[in-house]
């Protein structure tokens, strides 16, 4: 397995992608598919930005080999070649949706495999468990690697954060304008790394001065109250509680994605705005049209990455980033 994948481009602007949990193909295959999804969304809605996207420096914070190694020990089976093939088939179907207005509810409701039970679980059961403090049980059942990430007796979380932190730090060292994109569990890891770079004595002395231009979270569980109690800085007060290195935060949540059953983050992290630690936090609700293994998969990364809302955020960032590097913090 590869530990990282990079698609080189011009200096000065960088996209960092942090994937989610569960079994994952190798870094190069997964990076290729995810970049193809983003590229297809831009080509569909903002073709004038496609050349700028292709020339970006793209870096993949890959820890799939760590997740795969842990999950293999839980007796779960994974067929990597089949998964790559199904991802590519799913992407082909998504690319056939050639107009952004077709990503609405009417087409979504006709996807195969959608059931009232699944919608009920996403819309009712998960929020109830969260309000009862039982969402940890739900997450541990559907995301065993996330439960291991929080296992204090394991070094799994330390190793995962190290992978992501290395990608972010290498990019910040170049003083690039950075678009950080994270999906699912990767949003938790990315948040923890951003907090470390802001406040952990081992890293903050050098990296607290830098800013992430735009953070785009997809299918993020950070709205869950149990998750917020486990992220780094949760027990801190004032400015030490949150990362101080994000300029703009865009959060995209899909209908029926149980992973982000609490689909708004602006309310949960509003103190960052009050304390002037961030410029904006915006939430968007979308429909994820991905079909995996013959069924609707509202949490699919490629379904998010090709979506018109994500294409809009990327295009807006490309336009802004063309003006040059972000200034270092003056605080």
C-alpha atoms as a PDB file:
ATOM      1  CA  UNK A   1       0.000   0.000   0.000  1.00  0.00           C
ATOM      2  CA  UNK A   2       1.087   3.557  -0.673  1.00  0.00           C
ATOM      3  CA  UNK A   3       1.090   6.015   2.201  1.00  0.00           C
ATOM      4  CA  UNK A   4       0.544   9.091   0.047  1.00  0.00           C
ATOM      5  CA  UNK A   5      -0.346  10.198  -3.426  1.00  0.00           C
ATOM      6  CA  UNK A   6       0.404  13.491  -5.054  1.00  0.00           C
ATOM      7  CA  UNK A   7      -0.547  15.053  -8.359  1.00  0.00           C
ATOM      8  CA  UNK A   8       1.966  17.796  -8.974  1.00  0.00           C
ATOM      9  CA  UNK A   9       1.093  21.217 -10.298  1.00  0.00           C
ATOM     10  CA  UNK A  10       2.114  24.824 -10.025  1.00  0.00           C
ATOM     11  CA  UNK A  11       3.297  26.165  -6.695  1.00  0.00           C
ATOM     12  CA  UNK A  12       1.268  28.691  -4.756  1.00  0.00           C
ATOM     13  CA  UNK A  13      -2.081  26.839  -4.708  1.00  0.00           C
ATOM     14  CA  UNK A  14      -2.703  23.431  -3.174  1.00  0.00           C
ATOM     15  CA  UNK A  15      -5.637  21.106  -2.645  1.00  0.00           C
ATOM     16  CA  UNK A  16      -5.340  18.602   0.200  1.00  0.00           C
ATOM     17  CA  UNK A  17      -7.853  15.752   0.367  1.00  0.00           C
ATOM     18  CA  UNK A  18      -8.463  13.703   3.535  1.00  0.00           C
ATOM     19  CA  UNK A  19     -10.524  10.592   2.847  1.00  0.00           C
ATOM     20  CA  UNK A  20     -13.027   8.980   5.193  1.00  0.00           C
ATOM     21  CA  UNK A  21     -13.071   5.701   7.057  1.00  0.00           C
ATOM     22  CA  UNK A  22     -13.795   2.075   6.238  1.00  0.00           C
ATOM     23  CA  UNK A  23     -11.788  -0.051   3.796  1.00  0.00           C
ATOM     24  CA  UNK A  24     -10.047   1.932   1.074  1.00  0.00           C
ATOM     25  CA  UNK A  25      -8.256   1.101  -2.199  1.00  0.00           C
ATOM     26  CA  UNK A  26      -4.611   2.070  -2.581  1.00  0.00           C
ATOM     27  CA  UNK A  27      -3.729   5.754  -2.475  1.00  0.00           C
ATOM     28  CA  UNK A  28      -3.090   6.233  -6.188  1.00  0.00           C
ATOM     29  CA  UNK A  29      -6.325   4.558  -7.322  1.00  0.00           C
ATOM     30  CA  UNK A  30      -8.427   6.376  -4.739  1.00  0.00           C
ATOM     31  CA  UNK A  31      -6.805   9.731  -5.499  1.00  0.00           C
ATOM     32  CA  UNK A  32      -7.350   9.241  -9.225  1.00  0.00           C
ATOM     33  CA  UNK A  33     -11.064   8.503  -8.759  1.00  0.00           C
ATOM     34  CA  UNK A  34     -11.669  11.369  -6.330  1.00  0.00           C
ATOM     35  CA  UNK A  35      -9.812  13.902  -8.478  1.00  0.00           C
ATOM     36  CA  UNK A  36     -11.781  12.669 -11.500  1.00  0.00           C
ATOM     37  CA  UNK A  37     -15.033  13.317  -9.595  1.00  0.00           C
ATOM     38  CA  UNK A  38     -14.026  16.872  -8.696  1.00  0.00           C
ATOM     39  CA  UNK A  39     -12.799  17.493 -12.224  1.00  0.00           C
ATOM     40  CA  UNK A  40     -16.071  16.224 -13.721  1.00  0.00           C
ATOM     41  CA  UNK A  41     -18.105  18.555 -11.515  1.00  0.00           C
ATOM     42  CA  UNK A  42     -16.035  21.547 -12.552  1.00  0.00           C
ATOM     43  CA  UNK A  43     -16.107  20.558 -16.237  1.00  0.00           C
ATOM     44  CA  UNK A  44     -19.896  20.364 -16.055  1.00  0.00           C
ATOM     45  CA  UNK A  45     -20.563  23.650 -14.235  1.00  0.00           C
ATOM     46  CA  UNK A  46     -17.410  25.781 -14.491  1.00  0.00           C
ATOM     47  CA  UNK A  47     -15.460  24.693 -17.587  1.00  0.00           C
ATOM     48  CA  UNK A  48     -13.534  27.961 -17.525  1.00  0.00           C
ATOM     49  CA  UNK A  49     -11.880  26.804 -14.275  1.00  0.00           C
ATOM     50  CA  UNK A  50     -10.829  23.326 -15.397  1.00  0.00           C
ATOM     51  CA  UNK A  51      -7.325  24.331 -16.494  1.00  0.00           C
ATOM     52  CA  UNK A  52      -6.708  26.070 -13.175  1.00  0.00           C
ATOM     53  CA  UNK A  53      -7.860  22.923 -11.379  1.00  0.00           C
ATOM     54  CA  UNK A  54      -5.556  20.680 -13.401  1.00  0.00           C
ATOM     55  CA  UNK A  55      -2.528  22.846 -12.592  1.00  0.00           C
ATOM     56  CA  UNK A  56      -3.139  22.768  -8.836  1.00  0.00           C
ATOM     57  CA  UNK A  57      -0.750  20.914  -6.605  1.00  0.00           C
ATOM     58  CA  UNK A  58      -2.915  18.094  -5.223  1.00  0.00           C
ATOM     59  CA  UNK A  59      -1.947  16.161  -2.139  1.00  0.00           C
ATOM     60  CA  UNK A  60      -3.730  13.125  -0.722  1.00  0.00           C
ATOM     61  CA  UNK A  61      -3.581  12.525   3.036  1.00  0.00           C
ATOM     62  CA  UNK A  62      -3.858   8.761   2.870  1.00  0.00           C
ATOM     63  CA  UNK A  63      -4.229   6.478   5.873  1.00  0.00           C
ATOM     64  CA  UNK A  64      -6.275   3.742   4.184  1.00  0.00           C
ATOM     65  CA  UNK A  65      -3.585   1.148   4.744  1.00  0.00           C
ATOM     66  CA  UNK A  66      -3.849   1.779   8.501  1.00  0.00           C
ATOM     67  CA  UNK A  67      -7.654   1.458   8.425  1.00  0.00           C
ATOM     68  CA  UNK A  68      -7.486  -1.625   6.213  1.00  0.00           C
ATOM     69  CA  UNK A  69      -4.994  -3.298   8.531  1.00  0.00           C
ATOM     70  CA  UNK A  70      -7.173  -2.683  11.565  1.00  0.00           C
ATOM     71  CA  UNK A  71     -10.445  -3.668   9.893  1.00  0.00           C
ATOM     72  CA  UNK A  72      -8.920  -6.852   8.467  1.00  0.00           C
ATOM     73  CA  UNK A  73      -8.329  -7.903  12.069  1.00  0.00           C
ATOM     74  CA  UNK A  74     -12.073  -7.637  12.767  1.00  0.00           C
ATOM     75  CA  UNK A  75     -12.738 -10.497  10.306  1.00  0.00           C
ATOM     76  CA  UNK A  76     -14.331  -8.204   7.732  1.00  0.00           C
ATOM     77  CA  UNK A  77     -13.739  -9.057   4.081  1.00  0.00           C
ATOM     78  CA  UNK A  78     -12.570  -6.551   1.477  1.00  0.00           C
ATOM     79  CA  UNK A  79     -12.126  -7.054  -2.266  1.00  0.00           C
ATOM     80  CA  UNK A  80     -10.017  -4.109  -3.408  1.00  0.00           C
ATOM     81  CA  UNK A  81     -10.246  -4.805  -7.153  1.00  0.00           C
ATOM     82  CA  UNK A  82     -14.033  -5.080  -6.967  1.00  0.00           C
ATOM     83  CA  UNK A  83     -14.286  -1.894  -4.926  1.00  0.00           C
ATOM     84  CA  UNK A  84     -12.211   0.047  -7.468  1.00  0.00           C
ATOM     85  CA  UNK A  85     -14.401  -1.272 -10.264  1.00  0.00           C
ATOM     86  CA  UNK A  86     -17.594  -0.330  -8.440  1.00  0.00           C
ATOM     87  CA  UNK A  87     -16.239   3.154  -7.681  1.00  0.00           C
ATOM     88  CA  UNK A  88     -15.478   3.694 -11.356  1.00  0.00           C
ATOM     89  CA  UNK A  89     -18.911   2.434 -12.384  1.00  0.00           C
ATOM     90  CA  UNK A  90     -20.512   4.771  -9.841  1.00  0.00           C
ATOM     91  CA  UNK A  91     -18.499   7.686 -11.188  1.00  0.00           C
ATOM     92  CA  UNK A  92     -19.563   6.927 -14.773  1.00  0.00           C
ATOM     93  CA  UNK A  93     -23.220   7.066 -13.725  1.00  0.00           C
ATOM     94  CA  UNK A  94     -22.671  10.350 -11.909  1.00  0.00           C
ATOM     95  CA  UNK A  95     -20.848  11.862 -14.885  1.00  0.00           C
ATOM     96  CA  UNK A  96     -23.881  11.047 -17.060  1.00  0.00           C
ATOM     97  CA  UNK A  97     -25.859  13.644 -15.065  1.00  0.00           C
ATOM     98  CA  UNK A  98     -24.908  16.522 -17.314  1.00  0.00           C
ATOM     99  CA  UNK A  99     -26.856  19.405 -15.758  1.00  0.00           C
ATOM    100  CA  UNK A 100     -26.575  20.650 -12.215  1.00  0.00           C
ATOM    101  CA  UNK A 101     -30.316  21.103 -11.816  1.00  0.00           C
ATOM    102  CA  UNK A 102     -30.678  17.315 -12.190  1.00  0.00           C
ATOM    103  CA  UNK A 103     -29.069  16.819  -8.760  1.00  0.00           C
ATOM    104  CA  UNK A 104     -32.371  17.521  -7.019  1.00  0.00           C
ATOM    105  CA  UNK A 105     -34.852  15.477  -5.036  1.00  0.00           C
ATOM    106  CA  UNK A 106     -36.868  14.133  -7.983  1.00  0.00           C
ATOM    107  CA  UNK A 107     -33.982  12.169  -9.460  1.00  0.00           C
ATOM    108  CA  UNK A 108     -32.731  11.245  -5.992  1.00  0.00           C
ATOM    109  CA  UNK A 109     -36.060   9.671  -5.005  1.00  0.00           C
ATOM    110  CA  UNK A 110     -35.839   7.347  -8.014  1.00  0.00           C
ATOM    111  CA  UNK A 111     -32.443   5.879  -7.087  1.00  0.00           C
ATOM    112  CA  UNK A 112     -32.378   2.104  -6.496  1.00  0.00           C
ATOM    113  CA  UNK A 113     -32.148   0.741  -2.985  1.00  0.00           C
ATOM    114  CA  UNK A 114     -33.742   3.682  -1.216  1.00  0.00           C
ATOM    115  CA  UNK A 115     -35.952   2.426   1.600  1.00  0.00           C
ATOM    116  CA  UNK A 116     -38.140   4.086   4.194  1.00  0.00           C
ATOM    117  CA  UNK A 117     -36.204   2.221   6.899  1.00  0.00           C
ATOM    118  CA  UNK A 118     -32.897   3.735   5.825  1.00  0.00           C
ATOM    119  CA  UNK A 119     -34.382   7.226   5.691  1.00  0.00           C
ATOM    120  CA  UNK A 120     -35.978   6.649   9.086  1.00  0.00           C
ATOM    121  CA  UNK A 121     -32.591   5.626  10.513  1.00  0.00           C
ATOM    122  CA  UNK A 122     -30.904   8.731   9.129  1.00  0.00           C
ATOM    123  CA  UNK A 123     -33.649  11.201   9.988  1.00  0.00           C
ATOM    124  CA  UNK A 124     -35.016   9.830  13.270  1.00  0.00           C
ATOM    125  CA  UNK A 125     -33.017   7.071  14.925  1.00  0.00           C
ATOM    126  CA  UNK A 126     -29.568   8.687  14.661  1.00  0.00           C
ATOM    127  CA  UNK A 127     -30.710  12.072  16.080  1.00  0.00           C
ATOM    128  CA  UNK A 128     -32.552  10.341  18.925  1.00  0.00           C
ATOM    129  CA  UNK A 129     -29.484   8.297  19.818  1.00  0.00           C
ATOM    130  CA  UNK A 130     -27.434  11.460  19.708  1.00  0.00           C
ATOM    131  CA  UNK A 131     -29.792  13.261  22.073  1.00  0.00           C
ATOM    132  CA  UNK A 132     -29.618  10.288  24.454  1.00  0.00           C
ATOM    133  CA  UNK A 133     -25.834  10.202  24.314  1.00  0.00           C
ATOM    134  CA  UNK A 134     -25.901   6.855  22.518  1.00  0.00           C
ATOM    135  CA  UNK A 135     -24.515   7.948  19.151  1.00  0.00           C
ATOM    136  CA  UNK A 136     -21.166   6.474  20.196  1.00  0.00           C
ATOM    137  CA  UNK A 137     -22.834   3.067  20.102  1.00  0.00           C
ATOM    138  CA  UNK A 138     -24.166   3.758  16.605  1.00  0.00           C
ATOM    139  CA  UNK A 139     -20.825   5.009  15.315  1.00  0.00           C
ATOM    140  CA  UNK A 140     -18.946   2.086  16.841  1.00  0.00           C
ATOM    141  CA  UNK A 141     -21.341  -0.277  15.069  1.00  0.00           C
ATOM    142  CA  UNK A 142     -21.000   1.277  11.611  1.00  0.00           C
ATOM    143  CA  UNK A 143     -17.488   2.772  11.859  1.00  0.00           C
ATOM    144  CA  UNK A 144     -15.247   0.445  13.850  1.00  0.00           C
ATOM    145  CA  UNK A 145     -12.128   2.262  12.685  1.00  0.00           C
ATOM    146  CA  UNK A 146     -13.455   5.525  14.161  1.00  0.00           C
ATOM    147  CA  UNK A 147     -13.991   3.765  17.490  1.00  0.00           C
ATOM    148  CA  UNK A 148     -10.377   2.587  17.259  1.00  0.00           C
ATOM    149  CA  UNK A 149      -9.283   6.147  16.452  1.00  0.00           C
ATOM    150  CA  UNK A 150     -10.616   7.135  19.879  1.00  0.00           C
ATOM    151  CA  UNK A 151      -9.187   4.099  21.667  1.00  0.00           C
ATOM    152  CA  UNK A 152      -6.710   5.490  24.206  1.00  0.00           C
ATOM    153  CA  UNK A 153      -4.973   2.120  24.447  1.00  0.00           C
ATOM    154  CA  UNK A 154      -4.153   2.115  20.723  1.00  0.00           C
ATOM    155  CA  UNK A 155      -1.722   4.215  18.679  1.00  0.00           C
ATOM    156  CA  UNK A 156      -4.058   4.103  15.674  1.00  0.00           C
ATOM    157  CA  UNK A 157      -5.283   7.682  16.134  1.00  0.00           C
ATOM    158  CA  UNK A 158      -1.751   9.018  16.620  1.00  0.00           C
ATOM    159  CA  UNK A 159      -0.578   7.355  13.410  1.00  0.00           C
ATOM    160  CA  UNK A 160      -3.568   8.590  11.405  1.00  0.00           C
ATOM    161  CA  UNK A 161      -3.129  12.179  12.599  1.00  0.00           C
ATOM    162  CA  UNK A 162       0.563  11.997  11.748  1.00  0.00           C
ATOM    163  CA  UNK A 163      -0.249  11.095   8.137  1.00  0.00           C
ATOM    164  CA  UNK A 164      -2.660  13.990   7.727  1.00  0.00           C
ATOM    165  CA  UNK A 165      -0.513  16.455   9.651  1.00  0.00           C
ATOM    166  CA  UNK A 166       2.484  15.713   7.431  1.00  0.00           C
ATOM    167  CA  UNK A 167       0.523  16.596   4.294  1.00  0.00           C
ATOM    168  CA  UNK A 168      -0.835  19.800   5.773  1.00  0.00           C
ATOM    169  CA  UNK A 169       2.499  20.940   7.223  1.00  0.00           C
ATOM    170  CA  UNK A 170       4.448  20.292   4.030  1.00  0.00           C
ATOM    171  CA  UNK A 171       1.949  22.438   2.148  1.00  0.00           C
ATOM    172  CA  UNK A 172       1.893  25.229   4.726  1.00  0.00           C
ATOM    173  CA  UNK A 173       5.688  25.313   4.722  1.00  0.00           C
ATOM    174  CA  UNK A 174       5.434  26.493   1.103  1.00  0.00           C
ATOM    175  CA  UNK A 175       3.013  29.252   2.157  1.00  0.00           C
ATOM    176  CA  UNK A 176       0.513  28.016  -0.425  1.00  0.00           C
ATOM    177  CA  UNK A 177      -3.124  29.013  -0.544  1.00  0.00           C
ATOM    178  CA  UNK A 178      -4.814  25.830   0.648  1.00  0.00           C
ATOM    179  CA  UNK A 179      -8.175  24.234  -0.054  1.00  0.00           C
ATOM    180  CA  UNK A 180      -8.577  21.431   2.488  1.00  0.00           C
ATOM    181  CA  UNK A 181     -11.270  18.893   1.560  1.00  0.00           C
ATOM    182  CA  UNK A 182     -12.276  16.147   4.000  1.00  0.00           C
ATOM    183  CA  UNK A 183     -14.922  13.455   3.969  1.00  0.00           C
ATOM    184  CA  UNK A 184     -16.666  11.593   6.800  1.00  0.00           C
ATOM    185  CA  UNK A 185     -14.246  10.383   9.459  1.00  0.00           C
ATOM    186  CA  UNK A 186     -11.540  12.411   7.707  1.00  0.00           C
ATOM    187  CA  UNK A 187     -13.305  15.561   8.937  1.00  0.00           C
ATOM    188  CA  UNK A 188     -12.636  14.520  12.533  1.00  0.00           C
ATOM    189  CA  UNK A 189      -8.995  13.766  11.772  1.00  0.00           C
ATOM    190  CA  UNK A 190      -8.559  17.042   9.886  1.00  0.00           C
ATOM    191  CA  UNK A 191     -10.149  19.000  12.749  1.00  0.00           C
ATOM    192  CA  UNK A 192      -7.846  17.382  15.291  1.00  0.00           C
ATOM    193  CA  UNK A 193      -4.794  18.175  13.149  1.00  0.00           C
ATOM    194  CA  UNK A 194      -5.877  21.795  12.694  1.00  0.00           C
ATOM    195  CA  UNK A 195      -6.316  22.076  16.453  1.00  0.00           C
ATOM    196  CA  UNK A 196      -2.858  20.602  17.038  1.00  0.00           C
ATOM    197  CA  UNK A 197      -1.254  23.075  14.658  1.00  0.00           C
ATOM    198  CA  UNK A 198      -3.061  25.903  16.459  1.00  0.00           C
ATOM    199  CA  UNK A 199      -2.481  24.948  20.102  1.00  0.00           C
ATOM    200  CA  UNK A 200      -0.279  21.902  20.655  1.00  0.00           C
ATOM    201  CA  UNK A 201       3.093  23.137  21.932  1.00  0.00           C
ATOM    202  CA  UNK A 202       4.916  20.646  19.719  1.00  0.00           C
ATOM    203  CA  UNK A 203       3.545  22.235  16.531  1.00  0.00           C
ATOM    204  CA  UNK A 204       1.952  25.614  17.268  1.00  0.00           C
ATOM    205  CA  UNK A 205       5.185  27.587  17.661  1.00  0.00           C
ATOM    206  CA  UNK A 206       5.839  27.175  13.946  1.00  0.00           C
ATOM    207  CA  UNK A 207       2.437  26.475  12.367  1.00  0.00           C
ATOM    208  CA  UNK A 208      -0.013  28.647  14.322  1.00  0.00           C
ATOM    209  CA  UNK A 209       0.991  31.558  12.077  1.00  0.00           C
ATOM    210  CA  UNK A 210      -0.419  29.894   8.942  1.00  0.00           C
ATOM    211  CA  UNK A 211      -3.993  29.809   7.674  1.00  0.00           C
ATOM    212  CA  UNK A 212      -6.051  27.279   5.741  1.00  0.00           C
ATOM    213  CA  UNK A 213      -7.754  29.380   3.091  1.00  0.00           C
ATOM    214  CA  UNK A 214     -10.888  27.225   2.790  1.00  0.00           C
ATOM    215  CA  UNK A 215     -11.969  24.047   4.583  1.00  0.00           C
ATOM    216  CA  UNK A 216     -14.656  21.995   2.810  1.00  0.00           C
ATOM    217  CA  UNK A 217     -16.229  19.219   4.904  1.00  0.00           C
ATOM    218  CA  UNK A 218     -18.392  16.538   3.265  1.00  0.00           C
ATOM    219  CA  UNK A 219     -20.683  14.236   5.216  1.00  0.00           C
ATOM    220  CA  UNK A 220     -19.085  15.428   8.435  1.00  0.00           C
ATOM    221  CA  UNK A 221     -20.042  13.940  11.824  1.00  0.00           C
ATOM    222  CA  UNK A 222     -18.715  17.011  13.665  1.00  0.00           C
ATOM    223  CA  UNK A 223     -22.255  18.147  14.434  1.00  0.00           C
ATOM    224  CA  UNK A 224     -22.817  15.128  16.669  1.00  0.00           C
ATOM    225  CA  UNK A 225     -22.589  16.057  20.357  1.00  0.00           C
ATOM    226  CA  UNK A 226     -20.652  12.898  21.241  1.00  0.00           C
ATOM    227  CA  UNK A 227     -18.125  13.581  18.476  1.00  0.00           C
ATOM    228  CA  UNK A 228     -17.647  17.156  19.690  1.00  0.00           C
ATOM    229  CA  UNK A 229     -16.885  15.813  23.170  1.00  0.00           C
ATOM    230  CA  UNK A 230     -14.088  13.656  21.731  1.00  0.00           C
ATOM    231  CA  UNK A 231     -12.312  16.062  19.376  1.00  0.00           C
ATOM    232  CA  UNK A 232      -9.101  17.704  20.512  1.00  0.00           C
ATOM    233  CA  UNK A 233      -9.637  20.872  22.529  1.00  0.00           C
ATOM    234  CA  UNK A 234     -13.111  19.834  23.681  1.00  0.00           C
ATOM    235  CA  UNK A 235     -12.238  20.435  27.337  1.00  0.00           C
ATOM    236  CA  UNK A 236     -10.460  23.726  26.737  1.00  0.00           C
ATOM    237  CA  UNK A 237     -11.919  27.197  27.226  1.00  0.00           C
ATOM    238  CA  UNK A 238     -11.909  30.365  25.141  1.00  0.00           C
ATOM    239  CA  UNK A 239      -9.702  30.554  22.074  1.00  0.00           C
ATOM    240  CA  UNK A 240      -7.877  27.363  23.053  1.00  0.00           C
ATOM    241  CA  UNK A 241     -11.032  25.340  22.441  1.00  0.00           C
ATOM    242  CA  UNK A 242     -11.050  25.685  18.643  1.00  0.00           C
ATOM    243  CA  UNK A 243      -8.556  25.796  15.780  1.00  0.00           C
ATOM    244  CA  UNK A 244      -7.415  29.299  14.894  1.00  0.00           C
ATOM    245  CA  UNK A 245      -6.083  28.540  11.405  1.00  0.00           C
ATOM    246  CA  UNK A 246      -9.213  28.386   9.212  1.00  0.00           C
ATOM    247  CA  UNK A 247     -10.430  31.393   7.218  1.00  0.00           C
ATOM    248  CA  UNK A 248     -13.636  29.976   5.666  1.00  0.00           C
ATOM    249  CA  UNK A 249     -15.471  26.721   6.439  1.00  0.00           C
ATOM    250  CA  UNK A 250     -18.040  25.221   4.047  1.00  0.00           C
ATOM    251  CA  UNK A 251     -19.960  22.166   5.249  1.00  0.00           C
ATOM    252  CA  UNK A 252     -21.947  20.004   2.810  1.00  0.00           C
ATOM    253  CA  UNK A 253     -24.359  17.361   4.155  1.00  0.00           C
ATOM    254  CA  UNK A 254     -26.484  14.973   2.121  1.00  0.00           C
ATOM    255  CA  UNK A 255     -30.059  13.959   2.785  1.00  0.00           C
ATOM    256  CA  UNK A 256     -30.222  10.510   4.459  1.00  0.00           C
ATOM    257  CA  UNK A 257     -26.493  10.459   5.241  1.00  0.00           C
ATOM    258  CA  UNK A 258     -26.621   9.040   8.769  1.00  0.00           C
ATOM    259  CA  UNK A 259     -22.968   9.985   9.295  1.00  0.00           C
ATOM    260  CA  UNK A 260     -23.963  13.648   9.391  1.00  0.00           C
ATOM    261  CA  UNK A 261     -27.402  13.265  10.956  1.00  0.00           C
ATOM    262  CA  UNK A 262     -26.804  16.616  12.661  1.00  0.00           C
ATOM    263  CA  UNK A 263     -26.234  18.369   9.356  1.00  0.00           C
ATOM    264  CA  UNK A 264     -25.494  21.916  10.510  1.00  0.00           C
ATOM    265  CA  UNK A 265     -22.169  23.015  11.968  1.00  0.00           C
ATOM    266  CA  UNK A 266     -22.569  26.801  12.003  1.00  0.00           C
ATOM    267  CA  UNK A 267     -24.650  26.565  15.184  1.00  0.00           C
ATOM    268  CA  UNK A 268     -22.275  24.146  16.909  1.00  0.00           C
ATOM    269  CA  UNK A 269     -19.155  26.207  16.160  1.00  0.00           C
ATOM    270  CA  UNK A 270     -20.667  29.699  16.335  1.00  0.00           C
ATOM    271  CA  UNK A 271     -18.324  30.617  19.201  1.00  0.00           C
ATOM    272  CA  UNK A 272     -15.473  30.544  16.667  1.00  0.00           C
ATOM    273  CA  UNK A 273     -17.170  33.452  14.920  1.00  0.00           C
ATOM    274  CA  UNK A 274     -17.904  35.287  18.148  1.00  0.00           C
ATOM    275  CA  UNK A 275     -14.263  34.939  19.193  1.00  0.00           C
ATOM    276  CA  UNK A 276     -13.121  35.993  15.703  1.00  0.00           C
ATOM    277  CA  UNK A 277     -11.281  32.744  15.097  1.00  0.00           C
ATOM    278  CA  UNK A 278     -12.872  32.223  11.685  1.00  0.00           C
ATOM    279  CA  UNK A 279     -14.423  34.416   9.010  1.00  0.00           C
ATOM    280  CA  UNK A 280     -17.399  32.233   8.094  1.00  0.00           C
ATOM    281  CA  UNK A 281     -19.031  28.830   8.642  1.00  0.00           C
ATOM    282  CA  UNK A 282     -21.670  27.912   6.053  1.00  0.00           C
ATOM    283  CA  UNK A 283     -23.892  24.830   5.828  1.00  0.00           C
ATOM    284  CA  UNK A 284     -25.426  23.334   2.675  1.00  0.00           C
ATOM    285  CA  UNK A 285     -27.939  20.481   2.379  1.00  0.00           C
ATOM    286  CA  UNK A 286     -27.734  18.437  -0.841  1.00  0.00           C
ATOM    287  CA  UNK A 287     -28.786  15.142  -2.418  1.00  0.00           C
ATOM    288  CA  UNK A 288     -26.015  12.616  -3.036  1.00  0.00           C
ATOM    289  CA  UNK A 289     -26.818  10.647  -6.199  1.00  0.00           C
ATOM    290  CA  UNK A 290     -24.115   7.993  -5.894  1.00  0.00           C
ATOM    291  CA  UNK A 291     -25.033   4.340  -6.423  1.00  0.00           C
ATOM    292  CA  UNK A 292     -22.679   1.814  -4.847  1.00  0.00           C
ATOM    293  CA  UNK A 293     -23.144  -1.908  -5.409  1.00  0.00           C
ATOM    294  CA  UNK A 294     -26.563  -1.299  -6.934  1.00  0.00           C
ATOM    295  CA  UNK A 295     -27.946   0.831  -4.097  1.00  0.00           C
ATOM    296  CA  UNK A 296     -28.182   4.488  -3.195  1.00  0.00           C
ATOM    297  CA  UNK A 297     -25.229   5.555  -1.018  1.00  0.00           C
ATOM    298  CA  UNK A 298     -25.830   9.068   0.373  1.00  0.00           C
ATOM    299  CA  UNK A 299     -22.456   9.054   2.156  1.00  0.00           C
ATOM    300  CA  UNK A 300     -20.369   8.252  -0.940  1.00  0.00           C
ATOM    301  CA  UNK A 301     -17.368  10.543  -1.359  1.00  0.00           C
ATOM    302  CA  UNK A 302     -17.599  10.697  -5.161  1.00  0.00           C
ATOM    303  CA  UNK A 303     -21.289  11.592  -4.934  1.00  0.00           C
ATOM    304  CA  UNK A 304     -20.280  14.559  -2.800  1.00  0.00           C
ATOM    305  CA  UNK A 305     -17.215  15.529  -4.839  1.00  0.00           C
ATOM    306  CA  UNK A 306     -19.065  15.717  -8.159  1.00  0.00           C
ATOM    307  CA  UNK A 307     -22.029  17.630  -6.722  1.00  0.00           C
ATOM    308  CA  UNK A 308     -22.749  21.160  -8.044  1.00  0.00           C
ATOM    309  CA  UNK A 309     -22.453  22.693  -4.569  1.00  0.00           C
ATOM    310  CA  UNK A 310     -18.937  21.292  -4.154  1.00  0.00           C
ATOM    311  CA  UNK A 311     -18.023  22.401  -7.674  1.00  0.00           C
ATOM    312  CA  UNK A 312     -19.183  25.913  -6.741  1.00  0.00           C
ATOM    313  CA  UNK A 313     -17.016  26.023  -3.612  1.00  0.00           C
ATOM    314  CA  UNK A 314     -13.960  24.770  -5.527  1.00  0.00           C
ATOM    315  CA  UNK A 315     -14.549  27.238  -8.386  1.00  0.00           C
ATOM    316  CA  UNK A 316     -14.946  30.153  -5.969  1.00  0.00           C
ATOM    317  CA  UNK A 317     -11.729  29.172  -4.210  1.00  0.00           C
ATOM    318  CA  UNK A 318      -9.854  28.864  -7.511  1.00  0.00           C
ATOM    319  CA  UNK A 319     -10.960  32.367  -8.445  1.00  0.00           C
ATOM    320  CA  UNK A 320      -9.898  33.820  -5.096  1.00  0.00           C
ATOM    321  CA  UNK A 321      -6.657  31.824  -4.941  1.00  0.00           C
ATOM    322  CA  UNK A 322      -5.531  33.233  -8.284  1.00  0.00           C
ATOM    323  CA  UNK A 323      -4.685  36.465  -6.468  1.00  0.00           C
ATOM    324  CA  UNK A 324      -1.619  34.968  -4.785  1.00  0.00           C
ATOM    325  CA  UNK A 325      -0.538  33.414  -1.459  1.00  0.00           C
ATOM    326  CA  UNK A 326      -2.431  33.915   1.769  1.00  0.00           C
ATOM    327  CA  UNK A 327      -0.759  36.288   4.214  1.00  0.00           C
ATOM    328  CA  UNK A 328       0.478  34.794   7.468  1.00  0.00           C
ATOM    329  CA  UNK A 329      -1.481  35.529  10.599  1.00  0.00           C
ATOM    330  CA  UNK A 330      -0.712  38.841  12.248  1.00  0.00           C
ATOM    331  CA  UNK A 331      -2.147  37.801  15.609  1.00  0.00           C
END
